[in-house]
Every structure is written in C-alpha cells, then in structure tokens.
Amino acid sequence: EAGESVEGIAYDFDMTPEQVDALCRAV
C-alpha cells in the first residue's frame, strides 16, 4: 500500500512476486 514494488516485497520476504500479488489481491 505504501507503493513498494511486488518484486521488492517478494525478495524481502522470500516469496515469489506471484505470491505477493495473490496475497495483496485477496486482502
């Protein structure tokens, strides 16, 4: 929500960008 890229968040938390995107869409 703060504008961080999906790729950056995925890297920070050892996730794939697809997982981050799916999680954020669900929320």
mmCIF file of all heavy atoms, coordinates in Angstrom:
data_MODEL
# 
_entry.id   MODEL 
# 
loop_
_atom_site.group_PDB 
_atom_site.id 
_atom_site.type_symbol 
_atom_site.label_atom_id 
_atom_site.label_alt_id 
_atom_site.label_comp_id 
_atom_site.label_asym_id 
_atom_site.label_entity_id 
_atom_site.label_seq_id 
_atom_site.pdbx_PDB_ins_code 
_atom_site.Cartn_x 
_atom_site.Cartn_y 
_atom_site.Cartn_z 
_atom_site.occupancy 
_atom_site.B_iso_or_equiv 
_atom_site.pdbx_formal_charge 
_atom_site.auth_seq_id 
_atom_site.auth_comp_id 
_atom_site.auth_asym_id 
_atom_site.auth_atom_id 
_atom_site.pdbx_PDB_model_num 
ATOM 1   N N   . GLU A 1 1  ? 0.819  -1.212  0.000   1.00 0.00 ? 1  GLU A N   1 
ATOM 2   C CA  . GLU A 1 1  ? 0.000  0.000   0.000   1.00 0.00 ? 1  GLU A CA  1 
ATOM 3   C C   . GLU A 1 1  ? 0.859  1.272   0.000   1.00 0.00 ? 1  GLU A C   1 
ATOM 4   O O   . GLU A 1 1  ? 0.428  2.311   -0.495  1.00 0.00 ? 1  GLU A O   1 
ATOM 5   C CB  . GLU A 1 1  ? -0.937 0.019   1.202   1.00 0.00 ? 1  GLU A CB  1 
ATOM 6   C CG  . GLU A 1 1  ? -2.073 -0.972  1.090   1.00 0.00 ? 1  GLU A CG  1 
ATOM 7   C CD  . GLU A 1 1  ? -2.931 -1.047  2.336   1.00 0.00 ? 1  GLU A CD  1 
ATOM 8   O OE1 . GLU A 1 1  ? -2.542 -0.454  3.381   1.00 0.00 ? 1  GLU A OE1 1 
ATOM 9   O OE2 . GLU A 1 1  ? -3.984 -1.686  2.279   1.00 0.00 ? 1  GLU A OE2 1 
ATOM 10  N N   . ALA A 1 2  ? 2.067  1.190   0.538   1.00 0.00 ? 2  ALA A N   1 
ATOM 11  C CA  . ALA A 1 2  ? 2.981  2.328   0.566   1.00 0.00 ? 2  ALA A CA  1 
ATOM 12  C C   . ALA A 1 2  ? 3.683  2.533   -0.775  1.00 0.00 ? 2  ALA A C   1 
ATOM 13  O O   . ALA A 1 2  ? 4.441  3.480   -0.937  1.00 0.00 ? 2  ALA A O   1 
ATOM 14  C CB  . ALA A 1 2  ? 4.011  2.145   1.670   1.00 0.00 ? 2  ALA A CB  1 
ATOM 15  N N   . GLY A 1 3  ? 3.430  1.625   -1.731  1.00 0.00 ? 3  GLY A N   1 
ATOM 16  C CA  . GLY A 1 3  ? 3.994  1.785   -3.059  1.00 0.00 ? 3  GLY A CA  1 
ATOM 17  C C   . GLY A 1 3  ? 5.231  0.960   -3.347  1.00 0.00 ? 3  GLY A C   1 
ATOM 18  O O   . GLY A 1 3  ? 5.839  1.097   -4.408  1.00 0.00 ? 3  GLY A O   1 
ATOM 19  N N   . GLU A 1 4  ? 5.592  0.089   -2.426  1.00 0.00 ? 4  GLU A N   1 
ATOM 20  C CA  . GLU A 1 4  ? 6.737  -0.804  -2.648  1.00 0.00 ? 4  GLU A CA  1 
ATOM 21  C C   . GLU A 1 4  ? 6.396  -1.762  -3.796  1.00 0.00 ? 4  GLU A C   1 
ATOM 22  O O   . GLU A 1 4  ? 5.252  -2.194  -3.935  1.00 0.00 ? 4  GLU A O   1 
ATOM 23  C CB  . GLU A 1 4  ? 7.005  -1.589  -1.369  1.00 0.00 ? 4  GLU A CB  1 
ATOM 24  C CG  . GLU A 1 4  ? 8.322  -2.284  -1.300  1.00 0.00 ? 4  GLU A CG  1 
ATOM 25  C CD  . GLU A 1 4  ? 9.496  -1.342  -1.088  1.00 0.00 ? 4  GLU A CD  1 
ATOM 26  O OE1 . GLU A 1 4  ? 9.351  -0.294  -0.460  1.00 0.00 ? 4  GLU A OE1 1 
ATOM 27  O OE2 . GLU A 1 4  ? 10.572 -1.686  -1.601  1.00 0.00 ? 4  GLU A OE2 1 
ATOM 28  N N   . SER A 1 5  ? 7.368  -2.096  -4.593  1.00 0.00 ? 5  SER A N   1 
ATOM 29  C CA  . SER A 1 5  ? 7.110  -2.989  -5.728  1.00 0.00 ? 5  SER A CA  1 
ATOM 30  C C   . SER A 1 5  ? 6.860  -4.414  -5.240  1.00 0.00 ? 5  SER A C   1 
ATOM 31  O O   . SER A 1 5  ? 7.395  -4.844  -4.214  1.00 0.00 ? 5  SER A O   1 
ATOM 32  C CB  . SER A 1 5  ? 8.290  -2.987  -6.699  1.00 0.00 ? 5  SER A CB  1 
ATOM 33  O OG  . SER A 1 5  ? 9.378  -3.689  -6.151  1.00 0.00 ? 5  SER A OG  1 
ATOM 34  N N   . VAL A 1 6  ? 6.053  -5.136  -5.993  1.00 0.00 ? 6  VAL A N   1 
ATOM 35  C CA  . VAL A 1 6  ? 5.757  -6.528  -5.677  1.00 0.00 ? 6  VAL A CA  1 
ATOM 36  C C   . VAL A 1 6  ? 7.048  -7.343  -5.689  1.00 0.00 ? 6  VAL A C   1 
ATOM 37  O O   . VAL A 1 6  ? 7.259  -8.199  -4.829  1.00 0.00 ? 6  VAL A O   1 
ATOM 38  C CB  . VAL A 1 6  ? 4.715  -7.088  -6.676  1.00 0.00 ? 6  VAL A CB  1 
ATOM 39  C CG1 . VAL A 1 6  ? 4.569  -8.587  -6.535  1.00 0.00 ? 6  VAL A CG1 1 
ATOM 40  C CG2 . VAL A 1 6  ? 3.377  -6.397  -6.482  1.00 0.00 ? 6  VAL A CG2 1 
ATOM 41  N N   . GLU A 1 7  ? 7.916  -7.052  -6.643  1.00 0.00 ? 7  GLU A N   1 
ATOM 42  C CA  . GLU A 1 7  ? 9.191  -7.776  -6.736  1.00 0.00 ? 7  GLU A CA  1 
ATOM 43  C C   . GLU A 1 7  ? 10.062 -7.518  -5.502  1.00 0.00 ? 7  GLU A C   1 
ATOM 44  O O   . GLU A 1 7  ? 10.710 -8.425  -4.981  1.00 0.00 ? 7  GLU A O   1 
ATOM 45  C CB  . GLU A 1 7  ? 9.950  -7.376  -8.004  1.00 0.00 ? 7  GLU A CB  1 
ATOM 46  C CG  . GLU A 1 7  ? 9.295  -7.846  -9.282  1.00 0.00 ? 7  GLU A CG  1 
ATOM 47  C CD  . GLU A 1 7  ? 8.111  -6.966  -9.718  1.00 0.00 ? 7  GLU A CD  1 
ATOM 48  O OE1 . GLU A 1 7  ? 7.941  -5.842  -9.177  1.00 0.00 ? 7  GLU A OE1 1 
ATOM 49  O OE2 . GLU A 1 7  ? 7.351  -7.410  -10.594 1.00 0.00 ? 7  GLU A OE2 1 
ATOM 50  N N   . GLY A 1 8  ? 10.089 -6.274  -5.038  1.00 0.00 ? 8  GLY A N   1 
ATOM 51  C CA  . GLY A 1 8  ? 10.883 -5.933  -3.854  1.00 0.00 ? 8  GLY A CA  1 
ATOM 52  C C   . GLY A 1 8  ? 10.353 -6.604  -2.599  1.00 0.00 ? 8  GLY A C   1 
ATOM 53  O O   . GLY A 1 8  ? 11.132 -7.110  -1.778  1.00 0.00 ? 8  GLY A O   1 
ATOM 54  N N   . ILE A 1 9  ? 9.045  -6.610  -2.452  1.00 0.00 ? 9  ILE A N   1 
ATOM 55  C CA  . ILE A 1 9  ? 8.440  -7.272  -1.292  1.00 0.00 ? 9  ILE A CA  1 
ATOM 56  C C   . ILE A 1 9  ? 8.717  -8.767  -1.346  1.00 0.00 ? 9  ILE A C   1 
ATOM 57  O O   . ILE A 1 9  ? 9.076  -9.373  -0.338  1.00 0.00 ? 9  ILE A O   1 
ATOM 58  C CB  . ILE A 1 9  ? 6.921  -7.003  -1.256  1.00 0.00 ? 9  ILE A CB  1 
ATOM 59  C CG1 . ILE A 1 9  ? 6.643  -5.509  -1.082  1.00 0.00 ? 9  ILE A CG1 1 
ATOM 60  C CG2 . ILE A 1 9  ? 6.261  -7.804  -0.135  1.00 0.00 ? 9  ILE A CG2 1 
ATOM 61  C CD1 . ILE A 1 9  ? 5.198  -5.107  -1.304  1.00 0.00 ? 9  ILE A CD1 1 
ATOM 62  N N   . ALA A 1 10 ? 8.580  -9.346  -2.520  1.00 0.00 ? 10 ALA A N   1 
ATOM 63  C CA  . ALA A 1 10 ? 8.845  -10.781 -2.677  1.00 0.00 ? 10 ALA A CA  1 
ATOM 64  C C   . ALA A 1 10 ? 10.277 -11.108 -2.291  1.00 0.00 ? 10 ALA A C   1 
ATOM 65  O O   . ALA A 1 10 ? 10.534 -12.090 -1.583  1.00 0.00 ? 10 ALA A O   1 
ATOM 66  C CB  . ALA A 1 10 ? 8.564  -11.212 -4.116  1.00 0.00 ? 10 ALA A CB  1 
ATOM 67  N N   . TYR A 1 11 ? 11.206 -10.294 -2.718  1.00 0.00 ? 11 TYR A N   1 
ATOM 68  C CA  . TYR A 1 11 ? 12.616 -10.514 -2.392  1.00 0.00 ? 11 TYR A CA  1 
ATOM 69  C C   . TYR A 1 11 ? 12.847 -10.408 -0.878  1.00 0.00 ? 11 TYR A C   1 
ATOM 70  O O   . TYR A 1 11 ? 13.529 -11.242 -0.286  1.00 0.00 ? 11 TYR A O   1 
ATOM 71  C CB  . TYR A 1 11 ? 13.485 -9.502  -3.142  1.00 0.00 ? 11 TYR A CB  1 
ATOM 72  C CG  . TYR A 1 11 ? 14.945 -9.633  -2.823  1.00 0.00 ? 11 TYR A CG  1 
ATOM 73  C CD1 . TYR A 1 11 ? 15.724 -10.615 -3.423  1.00 0.00 ? 11 TYR A CD1 1 
ATOM 74  C CD2 . TYR A 1 11 ? 15.554 -8.782  -1.903  1.00 0.00 ? 11 TYR A CD2 1 
ATOM 75  C CE1 . TYR A 1 11 ? 17.069 -10.756 -3.123  1.00 0.00 ? 11 TYR A CE1 1 
ATOM 76  C CE2 . TYR A 1 11 ? 16.896 -8.904  -1.593  1.00 0.00 ? 11 TYR A CE2 1 
ATOM 77  C CZ  . TYR A 1 11 ? 17.651 -9.897  -2.202  1.00 0.00 ? 11 TYR A CZ  1 
ATOM 78  O OH  . TYR A 1 11 ? 18.972 -10.031 -1.892  1.00 0.00 ? 11 TYR A OH  1 
ATOM 79  N N   . ASP A 1 12 ? 12.267 -9.384  -0.266  1.00 0.00 ? 12 ASP A N   1 
ATOM 80  C CA  . ASP A 1 12 ? 12.458 -9.155  1.169   1.00 0.00 ? 12 ASP A CA  1 
ATOM 81  C C   . ASP A 1 12 ? 11.945 -10.305 2.022   1.00 0.00 ? 12 ASP A C   1 
ATOM 82  O O   . ASP A 1 12 ? 12.511 -10.601 3.074   1.00 0.00 ? 12 ASP A O   1 
ATOM 83  C CB  . ASP A 1 12 ? 11.759 -7.867  1.611   1.00 0.00 ? 12 ASP A CB  1 
ATOM 84  C CG  . ASP A 1 12 ? 12.449 -6.617  1.106   1.00 0.00 ? 12 ASP A CG  1 
ATOM 85  O OD1 . ASP A 1 12 ? 13.618 -6.707  0.668   1.00 0.00 ? 12 ASP A OD1 1 
ATOM 86  O OD2 . ASP A 1 12 ? 11.806 -5.547  1.149   1.00 0.00 ? 12 ASP A OD2 1 
ATOM 87  N N   . PHE A 1 13 ? 10.859 -10.937 1.585   1.00 0.00 ? 13 PHE A N   1 
ATOM 88  C CA  . PHE A 1 13 ? 10.214 -11.957 2.408   1.00 0.00 ? 13 PHE A CA  1 
ATOM 89  C C   . PHE A 1 13 ? 10.319 -13.367 1.844   1.00 0.00 ? 13 PHE A C   1 
ATOM 90  O O   . PHE A 1 13 ? 9.585  -14.263 2.267   1.00 0.00 ? 13 PHE A O   1 
ATOM 91  C CB  . PHE A 1 13 ? 8.749  -11.579 2.642   1.00 0.00 ? 13 PHE A CB  1 
ATOM 92  C CG  . PHE A 1 13 ? 8.600  -10.326 3.455   1.00 0.00 ? 13 PHE A CG  1 
ATOM 93  C CD1 . PHE A 1 13 ? 8.030  -9.193  2.905   1.00 0.00 ? 13 PHE A CD1 1 
ATOM 94  C CD2 . PHE A 1 13 ? 9.046  -10.259 4.761   1.00 0.00 ? 13 PHE A CD2 1 
ATOM 95  C CE1 . PHE A 1 13 ? 7.885  -8.029  3.639   1.00 0.00 ? 13 PHE A CE1 1 
ATOM 96  C CE2 . PHE A 1 13 ? 8.920  -9.106  5.507   1.00 0.00 ? 13 PHE A CE2 1 
ATOM 97  C CZ  . PHE A 1 13 ? 8.339  -7.982  4.947   1.00 0.00 ? 13 PHE A CZ  1 
ATOM 98  N N   . ASP A 1 14 ? 11.234 -13.566 0.904   1.00 0.00 ? 14 ASP A N   1 
ATOM 99  C CA  . ASP A 1 14 ? 11.479 -14.892 0.332   1.00 0.00 ? 14 ASP A CA  1 
ATOM 100 C C   . ASP A 1 14 ? 10.196 -15.521 -0.224  1.00 0.00 ? 14 ASP A C   1 
ATOM 101 O O   . ASP A 1 14 ? 9.847  -16.653 0.099   1.00 0.00 ? 14 ASP A O   1 
ATOM 102 C CB  . ASP A 1 14 ? 12.125 -15.811 1.375   1.00 0.00 ? 14 ASP A CB  1 
ATOM 103 C CG  . ASP A 1 14 ? 12.749 -17.045 0.737   1.00 0.00 ? 14 ASP A CG  1 
ATOM 104 O OD1 . ASP A 1 14 ? 13.146 -16.965 -0.441  1.00 0.00 ? 14 ASP A OD1 1 
ATOM 105 O OD2 . ASP A 1 14 ? 12.818 -18.085 1.418   1.00 0.00 ? 14 ASP A OD2 1 
ATOM 106 N N   . MET A 1 15 ? 9.513  -14.725 -1.042  1.00 0.00 ? 15 MET A N   1 
ATOM 107 C CA  . MET A 1 15 ? 8.295  -15.168 -1.705  1.00 0.00 ? 15 MET A CA  1 
ATOM 108 C C   . MET A 1 15 ? 8.460  -14.908 -3.199  1.00 0.00 ? 15 MET A C   1 
ATOM 109 O O   . MET A 1 15 ? 9.390  -14.228 -3.606  1.00 0.00 ? 15 MET A O   1 
ATOM 110 C CB  . MET A 1 15 ? 7.073  -14.390 -1.171  1.00 0.00 ? 15 MET A CB  1 
ATOM 111 C CG  . MET A 1 15 ? 6.812  -14.579 0.304   1.00 0.00 ? 15 MET A CG  1 
ATOM 112 S SD  . MET A 1 15 ? 5.544  -13.454 0.957   1.00 0.00 ? 15 MET A SD  1 
ATOM 113 C CE  . MET A 1 15 ? 4.073  -14.107 0.190   1.00 0.00 ? 15 MET A CE  1 
ATOM 114 N N   . THR A 1 16 ? 7.550  -15.432 -3.984  1.00 0.00 ? 16 THR A N   1 
ATOM 115 C CA  . THR A 1 16 ? 7.562  -15.105 -5.407  1.00 0.00 ? 16 THR A CA  1 
ATOM 116 C C   . THR A 1 16 ? 6.686  -13.868 -5.619  1.00 0.00 ? 16 THR A C   1 
ATOM 117 O O   . THR A 1 16 ? 5.765  -13.622 -4.820  1.00 0.00 ? 16 THR A O   1 
ATOM 118 C CB  . THR A 1 16 ? 7.010  -16.263 -6.261  1.00 0.00 ? 16 THR A CB  1 
ATOM 119 O OG1 . THR A 1 16 ? 5.620  -16.432 -5.969  1.00 0.00 ? 16 THR A OG1 1 
ATOM 120 C CG2 . THR A 1 16 ? 7.771  -17.552 -6.006  1.00 0.00 ? 16 THR A CG2 1 
ATOM 121 N N   . PRO A 1 17 ? 6.943  -13.104 -6.680  1.00 0.00 ? 17 PRO A N   1 
ATOM 122 C CA  . PRO A 1 17 ? 6.064  -11.965 -6.969  1.00 0.00 ? 17 PRO A CA  1 
ATOM 123 C C   . PRO A 1 17 ? 4.604  -12.393 -7.150  1.00 0.00 ? 17 PRO A C   1 
ATOM 124 O O   . PRO A 1 17 ? 3.690  -11.668 -6.748  1.00 0.00 ? 17 PRO A O   1 
ATOM 125 C CB  . PRO A 1 17 ? 6.639  -11.385 -8.261  1.00 0.00 ? 17 PRO A CB  1 
ATOM 126 C CG  . PRO A 1 17 ? 8.080  -11.777 -8.245  1.00 0.00 ? 17 PRO A CG  1 
ATOM 127 C CD  . PRO A 1 17 ? 8.104  -13.129 -7.581  1.00 0.00 ? 17 PRO A CD  1 
ATOM 128 N N   . GLU A 1 18 ? 4.377  -13.568 -7.708  1.00 0.00 ? 18 GLU A N   1 
ATOM 129 C CA  . GLU A 1 18 ? 3.018  -14.068 -7.894  1.00 0.00 ? 18 GLU A CA  1 
ATOM 130 C C   . GLU A 1 18 ? 2.326  -14.301 -6.545  1.00 0.00 ? 18 GLU A C   1 
ATOM 131 O O   . GLU A 1 18 ? 1.126  -14.032 -6.405  1.00 0.00 ? 18 GLU A O   1 
ATOM 132 C CB  . GLU A 1 18 ? 3.023  -15.366 -8.711  1.00 0.00 ? 18 GLU A CB  1 
ATOM 133 C CG  . GLU A 1 18 ? 3.466  -15.196 -10.149 1.00 0.00 ? 18 GLU A CG  1 
ATOM 134 C CD  . GLU A 1 18 ? 4.986  -15.094 -10.319 1.00 0.00 ? 18 GLU A CD  1 
ATOM 135 O OE1 . GLU A 1 18 ? 5.737  -15.507 -9.429  1.00 0.00 ? 18 GLU A OE1 1 
ATOM 136 O OE2 . GLU A 1 18 ? 5.401  -14.568 -11.367 1.00 0.00 ? 18 GLU A OE2 1 
ATOM 137 N N   . GLN A 1 19 ? 3.073  -14.789 -5.573  1.00 0.00 ? 19 GLN A N   1 
ATOM 138 C CA  . GLN A 1 19 ? 2.501  -14.997 -4.245  1.00 0.00 ? 19 GLN A CA  1 
ATOM 139 C C   . GLN A 1 19 ? 2.137  -13.666 -3.584  1.00 0.00 ? 19 GLN A C   1 
ATOM 140 O O   . GLN A 1 19 ? 1.064  -13.541 -2.995  1.00 0.00 ? 19 GLN A O   1 
ATOM 141 C CB  . GLN A 1 19 ? 3.478  -15.765 -3.351  1.00 0.00 ? 19 GLN A CB  1 
ATOM 142 C CG  . GLN A 1 19 ? 3.630  -17.211 -3.714  1.00 0.00 ? 19 GLN A CG  1 
ATOM 143 C CD  . GLN A 1 19 ? 4.678  -17.887 -2.874  1.00 0.00 ? 19 GLN A CD  1 
ATOM 144 O OE1 . GLN A 1 19 ? 5.773  -17.351 -2.655  1.00 0.00 ? 19 GLN A OE1 1 
ATOM 145 N NE2 . GLN A 1 19 ? 4.371  -19.077 -2.387  1.00 0.00 ? 19 GLN A NE2 1 
ATOM 146 N N   . VAL A 1 20 ? 3.020  -12.698 -3.685  1.00 0.00 ? 20 VAL A N   1 
ATOM 147 C CA  . VAL A 1 20 ? 2.748  -11.382 -3.100  1.00 0.00 ? 20 VAL A CA  1 
ATOM 148 C C   . VAL A 1 20 ? 1.526  -10.765 -3.760  1.00 0.00 ? 20 VAL A C   1 
ATOM 149 O O   . VAL A 1 20 ? 0.633  -10.234 -3.084  1.00 0.00 ? 20 VAL A O   1 
ATOM 150 C CB  . VAL A 1 20 ? 3.976  -10.452 -3.218  1.00 0.00 ? 20 VAL A CB  1 
ATOM 151 C CG1 . VAL A 1 20 ? 3.635  -9.036  -2.774  1.00 0.00 ? 20 VAL A CG1 1 
ATOM 152 C CG2 . VAL A 1 20 ? 5.144  -10.999 -2.414  1.00 0.00 ? 20 VAL A CG2 1 
ATOM 153 N N   . ASP A 1 21 ? 1.472  -10.839 -5.075  1.00 0.00 ? 21 ASP A N   1 
ATOM 154 C CA  . ASP A 1 21 ? 0.342  -10.280 -5.807  1.00 0.00 ? 21 ASP A CA  1 
ATOM 155 C C   . ASP A 1 21 ? -0.965 -10.967 -5.404  1.00 0.00 ? 21 ASP A C   1 
ATOM 156 O O   . ASP A 1 21 ? -1.975 -10.298 -5.145  1.00 0.00 ? 21 ASP A O   1 
ATOM 157 C CB  . ASP A 1 21 ? 0.577  -10.413 -7.311  1.00 0.00 ? 21 ASP A CB  1 
ATOM 158 C CG  . ASP A 1 21 ? -0.501 -9.732  -8.121  1.00 0.00 ? 21 ASP A CG  1 
ATOM 159 O OD1 . ASP A 1 21 ? -0.688 -8.508  -7.946  1.00 0.00 ? 21 ASP A OD1 1 
ATOM 160 O OD2 . ASP A 1 21 ? -1.164 -10.417 -8.920  1.00 0.00 ? 21 ASP A OD2 1 
ATOM 161 N N   . ALA A 1 22 ? -0.962 -12.281 -5.323  1.00 0.00 ? 22 ALA A N   1 
ATOM 162 C CA  . ALA A 1 22 ? -2.169 -13.026 -4.944  1.00 0.00 ? 22 ALA A CA  1 
ATOM 163 C C   . ALA A 1 22 ? -2.600 -12.674 -3.522  1.00 0.00 ? 22 ALA A C   1 
ATOM 164 O O   . ALA A 1 22 ? -3.801 -12.512 -3.252  1.00 0.00 ? 22 ALA A O   1 
ATOM 165 C CB  . ALA A 1 22 ? -1.924 -14.528 -5.067  1.00 0.00 ? 22 ALA A CB  1 
ATOM 166 N N   . LEU A 1 23 ? -1.656 -12.543 -2.622  1.00 0.00 ? 23 LEU A N   1 
ATOM 167 C CA  . LEU A 1 23 ? -1.963 -12.196 -1.240  1.00 0.00 ? 23 LEU A CA  1 
ATOM 168 C C   . LEU A 1 23 ? -2.564 -10.797 -1.154  1.00 0.00 ? 23 LEU A C   1 
ATOM 169 O O   . LEU A 1 23 ? -3.601 -10.594 -0.507  1.00 0.00 ? 23 LEU A O   1 
ATOM 170 C CB  . LEU A 1 23 ? -0.697 -12.290 -0.382  1.00 0.00 ? 23 LEU A CB  1 
ATOM 171 C CG  . LEU A 1 23 ? -0.871 -11.965 1.085   1.00 0.00 ? 23 LEU A CG  1 
ATOM 172 C CD1 . LEU A 1 23 ? -1.774 -12.995 1.765   1.00 0.00 ? 23 LEU A CD1 1 
ATOM 173 C CD2 . LEU A 1 23 ? 0.476  -11.911 1.765   1.00 0.00 ? 23 LEU A CD2 1 
ATOM 174 N N   . CYS A 1 24 ? -1.973 -9.841  -1.822  1.00 0.00 ? 24 CYS A N   1 
ATOM 175 C CA  . CYS A 1 24 ? -2.471 -8.465  -1.784  1.00 0.00 ? 24 CYS A CA  1 
ATOM 176 C C   . CYS A 1 24 ? -3.845 -8.365  -2.429  1.00 0.00 ? 24 CYS A C   1 
ATOM 177 O O   . CYS A 1 24 ? -4.715 -7.649  -1.927  1.00 0.00 ? 24 CYS A O   1 
ATOM 178 C CB  . CYS A 1 24 ? -1.468 -7.520  -2.444  1.00 0.00 ? 24 CYS A CB  1 
ATOM 179 S SG  . CYS A 1 24 ? 0.065  -7.359  -1.495  1.00 0.00 ? 24 CYS A SG  1 
ATOM 180 N N   . ARG A 1 25 ? -4.053 -9.084  -3.518  1.00 0.00 ? 25 ARG A N   1 
ATOM 181 C CA  . ARG A 1 25 ? -5.382 -9.087  -4.146  1.00 0.00 ? 25 ARG A CA  1 
ATOM 182 C C   . ARG A 1 25 ? -6.432 -9.675  -3.220  1.00 0.00 ? 25 ARG A C   1 
ATOM 183 O O   . ARG A 1 25 ? -7.575 -9.203  -3.149  1.00 0.00 ? 25 ARG A O   1 
ATOM 184 C CB  . ARG A 1 25 ? -5.353 -9.868  -5.453  1.00 0.00 ? 25 ARG A CB  1 
ATOM 185 C CG  . ARG A 1 25 ? -4.655 -9.146  -6.577  1.00 0.00 ? 25 ARG A CG  1 
ATOM 186 C CD  . ARG A 1 25 ? -4.650 -10.025 -7.837  1.00 0.00 ? 25 ARG A CD  1 
ATOM 187 N NE  . ARG A 1 25 ? -3.862 -9.449  -8.873  1.00 0.00 ? 25 ARG A NE  1 
ATOM 188 C CZ  . ARG A 1 25 ? -4.333 -8.588  -9.787  1.00 0.00 ? 25 ARG A CZ  1 
ATOM 189 N NH1 . ARG A 1 25 ? -5.595 -8.235  -9.747  1.00 0.00 ? 25 ARG A NH1 1 
ATOM 190 N NH2 . ARG A 1 25 ? -3.542 -8.097  -10.711 1.00 0.00 ? 25 ARG A NH2 1 
ATOM 191 N N   . ALA A 1 26 ? -6.069 -10.724 -2.486  1.00 0.00 ? 26 ALA A N   1 
ATOM 192 C CA  . ALA A 1 26 ? -7.005 -11.335 -1.543  1.00 0.00 ? 26 ALA A CA  1 
ATOM 193 C C   . ALA A 1 26 ? -7.367 -10.366 -0.426  1.00 0.00 ? 26 ALA A C   1 
ATOM 194 O O   . ALA A 1 26 ? -8.534 -10.278 -0.035  1.00 0.00 ? 26 ALA A O   1 
ATOM 195 C CB  . ALA A 1 26 ? -6.404 -12.614 -0.968  1.00 0.00 ? 26 ALA A CB  1 
ATOM 196 N N   . VAL A 1 27 ? -6.397 -9.625  0.064   1.00 0.00 ? 27 VAL A N   1 
ATOM 197 C CA  . VAL A 1 27 ? -6.654 -8.662  1.124   1.00 0.00 ? 27 VAL A CA  1 
ATOM 198 C C   . VAL A 1 27 ? -7.567 -7.544  0.625   1.00 0.00 ? 27 VAL A C   1 
ATOM 199 O O   . VAL A 1 27 ? -8.498 -7.135  1.330   1.00 0.00 ? 27 VAL A O   1 
ATOM 200 C CB  . VAL A 1 27 ? -5.330 -8.107  1.692   1.00 0.00 ? 27 VAL A CB  1 
ATOM 201 C CG1 . VAL A 1 27 ? -5.583 -6.925  2.615   1.00 0.00 ? 27 VAL A CG1 1 
ATOM 202 C CG2 . VAL A 1 27 ? -4.584 -9.198  2.428   1.00 0.00 ? 27 VAL A CG2 1 
# 
